[in-house]
Amino acid sequence: MSRRPSKEDIFAACCINKKIQDRIQQTAQDLVDAEEFVSDVVGGIYRSAIIYGPPGLGKTHLVESALRRAGHKIGETYLVARSHTTPRQLYAMLYCMRKKGQFLIIDDCDAVLTDESGLNILKAATDDSFRTVGWATSKAGVRLPDGTEVPDEFQFNGSVLIATNVRQAVRGKTAQHFAALRSRCPGWQLHYDTIADQFAYVVHMIIDRNYLDHNPETTLTWPQKIELIRFIMSKLSQIERLDLRRPQHIAKVMRHKTKWQNHALKFLKEPA
C-alpha cells in the first residue's frame, strides 16, 4: 500500500469539482444516518424496517455490519434470506428466528415481495399487535433441513429487516399487500438513484471507507485508486448503473493487467 494522500489531493488528482465534492459529502452523511437508523432497529427501537435502494450498493452489508457490531452471529441470532428464497423457505426461516432478539434479513427477495403468499407471511411477522404467523394447512407441511416439522402457526417475536429495490408491487392484490407491509415497517431510502449519486457513493466508499481493501484481490495502491476513479468518471455518460461490484471487478483486472481499460469498460457498460 502506498501512503494515503489527503482528500484534497485525491480530489485534485481525480479532477473532482466542488459540485461533485458536495455530493460526495452529502452521500457520506446519508450513509451515517442510515447506519444510525439500522442500529436503532438492531437496538430494539423498531421491530421491523425496510431499507430501499438500488441493487449492489451495500444495503444488506449495512444491516449485517450493525448486527455484528451488536454481537450477533449469523446462524445463531440472525439469518439472511437471499434472492432465491421461496415463501415456504421464508416461513421456515421466520420460525428459526422467532424469539425476541433474533433477526431475519430479507435480501432483495423480489420473489417473496411480489408474491401474495410471501407478503401475507411478512405482514403477519411485522404486525406490532398480532404476530401469529401461519401456513395454510391445506398445503404440504413445512420442514427444516434437519427434518423438524414447523407448526402450522407460531408466535413470532423476532425482528425482520427488509433490504430491497422494490418500492411497490406492480398491480392488483399484490400491490395492496405490499402497501400493507410498508405501513407496518418504518422505511429508509438510500438516495442513490442517478449515476451522479452512485458515482459519489462509490468514490466515498473508495476513499473514506477503503472498501476495496477489504479483499486482498481488490486491494490497490492510492495511485491505482485515483486512476480507477478518474477512469469511471470519464465513462459516466456510457453507464446505465454503477454499483460497488463493478469497481471490484476492475480492481482485480488492474492488479494483473497493464492494459486493463477495455475489460474495465465492458464491466461498466454491462446492462443494469
Protein backbone atom coordinates (compact mmCIF):
# COMPACT_ATOMS: atom_id res chain seq x y z
CA MET A 1 0.00 0.00 0.00
CA SER A 2 1.23 3.46 -0.84
CA ARG A 3 0.95 6.44 1.52
CA ARG A 4 -2.57 7.82 1.71
CA PRO A 5 -2.82 11.30 0.15
CA SER A 6 -5.07 13.95 1.62
CA LYS A 7 -8.65 14.10 0.40
CA GLU A 8 -7.91 17.45 -1.22
CA ASP A 9 -5.02 15.90 -3.16
CA ILE A 10 -7.24 12.98 -4.22
CA PHE A 11 -9.95 15.35 -5.46
CA ALA A 12 -7.38 17.40 -7.36
CA ALA A 13 -5.75 14.32 -8.91
CA CYS A 14 -9.19 12.97 -9.95
CA CYS A 15 -10.35 16.38 -11.26
CA ILE A 16 -13.41 16.22 -8.99
CA ASN A 17 -15.04 19.65 -8.89
CA LYS A 18 -16.82 21.35 -5.98
CA LYS A 19 -20.26 20.20 -7.10
CA ILE A 20 -19.22 16.56 -7.06
CA GLN A 21 -17.37 17.06 -3.76
CA ASP A 22 -20.57 18.40 -2.19
CA ARG A 23 -22.48 15.40 -3.49
CA ILE A 24 -19.86 13.05 -2.01
CA GLN A 25 -20.14 14.80 1.34
CA GLN A 26 -23.94 14.51 1.28
CA THR A 27 -23.67 10.84 0.36
CA ALA A 28 -21.33 10.26 3.30
CA GLN A 29 -23.80 11.90 5.69
CA ASP A 30 -26.70 9.91 4.22
CA LEU A 31 -24.79 6.69 4.90
CA VAL A 32 -24.05 7.71 8.51
CA ASP A 33 -27.76 8.48 9.01
CA ALA A 34 -28.72 5.11 7.52
CA GLU A 35 -26.26 3.32 9.80
CA GLU A 36 -27.79 5.07 12.81
CA PHE A 37 -31.31 4.04 11.72
CA VAL A 38 -30.30 0.39 11.29
CA SER A 39 -28.54 0.44 14.67
CA ASP A 40 -31.81 1.68 16.18
CA VAL A 41 -33.61 -1.31 14.65
CA VAL A 42 -30.99 -3.71 15.96
CA GLY A 43 -31.21 -2.00 19.35
CA GLY A 44 -34.94 -2.65 19.52
CA ILE A 45 -36.41 0.80 18.90
CA TYR A 46 -38.20 -0.64 15.86
CA ARG A 47 -39.21 -4.29 15.50
CA SER A 48 -39.07 -4.26 11.72
CA ALA A 49 -37.85 -1.98 8.94
CA ILE A 50 -37.44 -1.67 5.17
CA ILE A 51 -34.25 -0.32 3.58
CA TYR A 52 -34.80 0.82 -0.03
CA GLY A 53 -32.05 1.35 -2.55
CA PRO A 54 -30.59 0.24 -5.89
CA PRO A 55 -29.02 -3.24 -6.03
CA GLY A 56 -25.33 -3.72 -5.36
CA LEU A 57 -24.82 -0.69 -3.11
CA GLY A 58 -24.47 -2.45 0.23
CA LYS A 59 -27.94 -2.49 1.81
CA THR A 60 -27.52 -5.97 3.27
CA HIS A 61 -23.92 -5.24 4.29
CA LEU A 62 -25.22 -2.22 6.17
CA VAL A 63 -27.62 -4.39 8.15
CA GLU A 64 -25.19 -7.26 8.77
CA SER A 65 -22.48 -4.84 9.95
CA ALA A 66 -24.87 -3.38 12.53
CA LEU A 67 -25.78 -6.84 13.75
CA ARG A 68 -22.14 -7.92 14.06
CA ARG A 69 -21.24 -4.75 15.95
CA ALA A 70 -24.02 -5.61 18.40
CA GLY A 71 -22.55 -9.08 18.93
CA HIS A 72 -24.95 -11.09 16.76
CA LYS A 73 -23.80 -14.14 14.83
CA ILE A 74 -25.19 -15.48 11.59
CA GLY A 75 -26.88 -18.82 12.04
CA GLU A 76 -27.42 -18.15 15.73
CA THR A 77 -29.21 -14.84 16.21
CA TYR A 78 -29.74 -13.81 12.59
CA LEU A 79 -30.30 -15.36 9.19
CA VAL A 80 -30.28 -13.90 5.68
CA ALA A 81 -32.99 -14.84 3.18
CA ARG A 82 -31.38 -14.39 -0.24
CA SER A 83 -32.99 -13.54 -3.57
CA HIS A 84 -33.92 -17.15 -4.41
CA THR A 85 -35.89 -17.71 -1.17
CA THR A 86 -39.43 -19.07 -1.62
CA PRO A 87 -42.42 -18.28 0.65
CA ARG A 88 -42.14 -21.80 2.12
CA GLN A 89 -38.47 -21.23 2.98
CA LEU A 90 -39.31 -17.80 4.36
CA TYR A 91 -41.86 -19.37 6.72
CA ALA A 92 -39.25 -21.85 7.99
CA MET A 93 -36.63 -19.13 8.49
CA LEU A 94 -39.05 -16.96 10.44
CA TYR A 95 -39.74 -19.94 12.69
CA CYS A 96 -35.98 -20.35 13.31
CA MET A 97 -35.68 -16.64 14.21
CA ARG A 98 -38.96 -16.37 16.13
CA LYS A 99 -37.52 -15.38 19.52
CA LYS A 100 -37.07 -11.82 20.73
CA GLY A 101 -33.58 -10.57 19.90
CA GLN A 102 -33.34 -12.69 16.74
CA PHE A 103 -33.39 -11.21 13.24
CA LEU A 104 -34.27 -12.26 9.72
CA ILE A 105 -32.80 -10.16 6.91
CA ILE A 106 -34.70 -10.23 3.62
CA ASP A 107 -32.05 -9.60 0.96
CA ASP A 108 -33.61 -8.36 -2.32
CA CYS A 109 -36.13 -11.23 -2.30
CA ASP A 110 -38.26 -9.98 -5.18
CA ALA A 111 -39.91 -13.40 -5.49
CA VAL A 112 -41.23 -13.03 -1.95
CA LEU A 113 -42.01 -9.31 -2.05
CA THR A 114 -44.08 -9.64 -5.23
CA ASP A 115 -45.81 -12.86 -4.19
CA GLU A 116 -49.14 -12.79 -2.32
CA SER A 117 -48.26 -15.73 -0.05
CA GLY A 118 -44.85 -14.27 0.84
CA LEU A 119 -46.31 -10.84 1.52
CA ASN A 120 -49.03 -12.30 3.76
CA ILE A 121 -46.41 -14.11 5.81
CA LEU A 122 -44.34 -10.94 6.18
CA LYS A 123 -47.41 -8.88 7.07
CA ALA A 124 -48.12 -11.25 9.94
CA ALA A 125 -44.49 -11.24 11.11
CA THR A 126 -44.26 -7.44 11.13
CA ASP A 127 -47.62 -6.67 12.73
CA ASP A 128 -46.94 -4.94 16.07
CA SER A 129 -50.15 -6.07 17.75
CA PHE A 130 -50.83 -9.55 16.34
CA ARG A 131 -47.75 -11.59 15.47
CA THR A 132 -49.10 -15.07 14.84
CA VAL A 133 -47.57 -16.39 11.62
CA GLY A 134 -49.39 -19.23 9.91
CA TRP A 135 -49.08 -21.60 6.96
CA ALA A 136 -52.26 -22.84 5.31
CA THR A 137 -52.97 -26.40 6.48
CA SER A 138 -54.26 -27.32 3.01
CA LYS A 139 -50.70 -27.16 1.78
CA ALA A 140 -47.96 -29.67 2.47
CA GLY A 141 -46.26 -29.17 5.81
CA VAL A 142 -43.06 -27.15 6.11
CA ARG A 143 -39.93 -28.83 7.44
CA LEU A 144 -36.50 -27.57 8.46
CA PRO A 145 -33.38 -29.04 6.78
CA ASP A 146 -32.93 -31.43 9.74
CA GLY A 147 -36.45 -32.81 9.24
CA THR A 148 -38.12 -30.90 12.06
CA GLU A 149 -41.71 -30.06 11.15
CA VAL A 150 -42.65 -26.40 11.51
CA PRO A 151 -46.04 -25.83 13.21
CA ASP A 152 -48.96 -24.61 11.08
CA GLU A 153 -48.77 -21.38 13.11
CA PHE A 154 -46.45 -19.87 15.70
CA GLN A 155 -45.88 -16.65 17.62
CA PHE A 156 -43.16 -14.53 16.04
CA ASN A 157 -41.32 -12.24 18.46
CA GLY A 158 -38.20 -11.68 16.37
CA SER A 159 -37.39 -8.80 14.02
CA VAL A 160 -37.47 -8.51 10.23
CA LEU A 161 -35.21 -6.18 8.24
CA ILE A 162 -36.05 -5.98 4.55
CA ALA A 163 -33.41 -4.73 2.08
CA THR A 164 -34.98 -4.21 -1.33
CA ASN A 165 -35.09 -2.18 -4.52
CA VAL A 166 -38.83 -2.89 -4.81
CA ARG A 167 -40.83 0.18 -3.77
CA GLN A 168 -44.25 -1.02 -4.79
CA ALA A 169 -45.80 -4.12 -6.25
CA VAL A 170 -46.88 -3.80 -9.85
CA ARG A 171 -50.62 -4.47 -9.80
CA GLY A 172 -53.70 -5.98 -8.18
CA LYS A 173 -53.85 -7.64 -4.78
CA THR A 174 -50.07 -7.90 -4.61
CA ALA A 175 -49.79 -4.12 -4.66
CA GLN A 176 -52.30 -3.86 -1.82
CA HIS A 177 -50.43 -6.42 0.28
CA PHE A 178 -47.12 -4.68 -0.33
CA ALA A 179 -48.64 -1.35 0.70
CA ALA A 180 -49.89 -3.01 3.90
CA LEU A 181 -46.40 -4.35 4.58
CA ARG A 182 -44.87 -0.92 4.06
CA SER A 183 -47.34 0.59 6.52
CA ARG A 184 -46.13 -1.85 9.19
CA CYS A 185 -42.43 -1.15 8.72
CA PRO A 186 -40.61 2.19 9.05
CA GLY A 187 -38.73 2.75 5.81
CA TRP A 188 -35.37 4.26 4.99
CA GLN A 189 -34.37 5.09 1.43
CA LEU A 190 -30.78 5.24 0.22
CA HIS A 191 -30.96 8.02 -2.39
CA TYR A 192 -28.55 6.62 -4.98
CA ASP A 193 -30.89 6.59 -7.98
CA THR A 194 -28.89 8.63 -10.50
CA ILE A 195 -25.49 7.86 -11.97
CA ALA A 196 -24.13 11.01 -10.29
CA ASP A 197 -25.37 9.80 -6.89
CA GLN A 198 -23.99 6.32 -7.45
CA PHE A 199 -20.62 7.72 -8.52
CA ALA A 200 -20.46 9.94 -5.42
CA TYR A 201 -21.26 6.92 -3.23
CA VAL A 202 -18.61 4.74 -4.90
CA VAL A 203 -15.97 7.48 -4.51
CA HIS A 204 -16.90 7.87 -0.83
CA MET A 205 -16.59 4.12 -0.30
CA ILE A 206 -13.20 4.01 -2.04
CA ILE A 207 -11.52 6.98 -0.37
CA ASP A 208 -13.29 7.21 3.02
CA ARG A 209 -14.33 3.63 3.75
CA ASN A 210 -11.47 1.83 1.94
CA TYR A 211 -13.90 -0.85 0.82
CA LEU A 212 -11.58 -2.13 -1.91
CA ASP A 213 -9.02 -3.01 0.78
CA HIS A 214 -11.39 -5.47 2.46
CA ASN A 215 -10.44 -8.12 -0.09
CA PRO A 216 -6.77 -8.85 -0.97
CA GLU A 217 -7.85 -9.47 -4.57
CA THR A 218 -9.17 -5.89 -4.94
CA THR A 219 -6.60 -4.00 -2.84
CA LEU A 220 -4.97 -1.20 -4.86
CA THR A 221 -2.31 1.42 -4.24
CA TRP A 222 -3.53 5.01 -3.92
CA PRO A 223 -2.24 5.93 -7.40
CA GLN A 224 -4.23 2.98 -8.75
CA LYS A 225 -7.36 4.05 -6.83
CA ILE A 226 -7.06 7.54 -8.27
CA GLU A 227 -6.63 6.08 -11.75
CA LEU A 228 -9.71 3.91 -11.20
CA ILE A 229 -11.85 6.88 -10.06
CA ARG A 230 -10.68 9.00 -13.00
CA PHE A 231 -11.49 6.19 -15.43
CA ILE A 232 -15.02 5.67 -14.06
CA MET A 233 -15.70 9.42 -14.07
CA SER A 234 -14.63 9.67 -17.71
CA LYS A 235 -17.16 6.95 -18.69
CA LEU A 236 -20.21 8.07 -16.69
CA SER A 237 -22.12 9.08 -19.82
CA GLN A 238 -21.85 5.49 -21.08
CA ILE A 239 -23.04 3.75 -17.90
CA GLU A 240 -26.63 2.77 -17.07
CA ARG A 241 -25.96 1.97 -13.42
CA LEU A 242 -22.96 1.96 -11.11
CA ASP A 243 -22.69 -0.24 -8.03
CA LEU A 244 -19.95 -1.40 -5.65
CA ARG A 245 -19.29 -4.64 -7.51
CA ARG A 246 -18.11 -3.11 -10.79
CA PRO A 247 -15.11 -1.23 -9.28
CA GLN A 248 -14.20 -4.50 -7.56
CA HIS A 249 -14.15 -6.31 -10.92
CA ILE A 250 -12.00 -3.53 -12.37
CA ALA A 251 -9.61 -3.58 -9.39
CA LYS A 252 -8.95 -7.29 -9.94
CA VAL A 253 -8.06 -6.65 -13.58
CA MET A 254 -5.87 -3.66 -12.68
CA ARG A 255 -3.81 -5.83 -10.34
CA HIS A 256 -2.95 -8.30 -13.10
CA LYS A 257 -3.01 -6.48 -16.44
CA THR A 258 -1.18 -3.43 -17.72
CA LYS A 259 -3.83 -2.81 -20.37
CA TRP A 260 -6.98 -3.18 -18.30
CA GLN A 261 -9.13 -0.38 -19.74
CA ASN A 262 -11.04 -2.42 -22.36
CA HIS A 263 -12.09 -5.01 -19.79
CA ALA A 264 -12.98 -2.25 -17.33
CA LEU A 265 -15.23 -0.52 -19.85
CA LYS A 266 -17.10 -3.76 -20.53
CA PHE A 267 -17.70 -4.20 -16.80
CA LEU A 268 -19.04 -0.65 -16.55
CA LYS A 269 -21.27 -0.90 -19.64
CA GLU A 270 -22.84 -4.20 -18.60
CA PRO A 271 -26.62 -3.66 -18.66
CA ALA A 272 -28.34 -2.98 -15.32
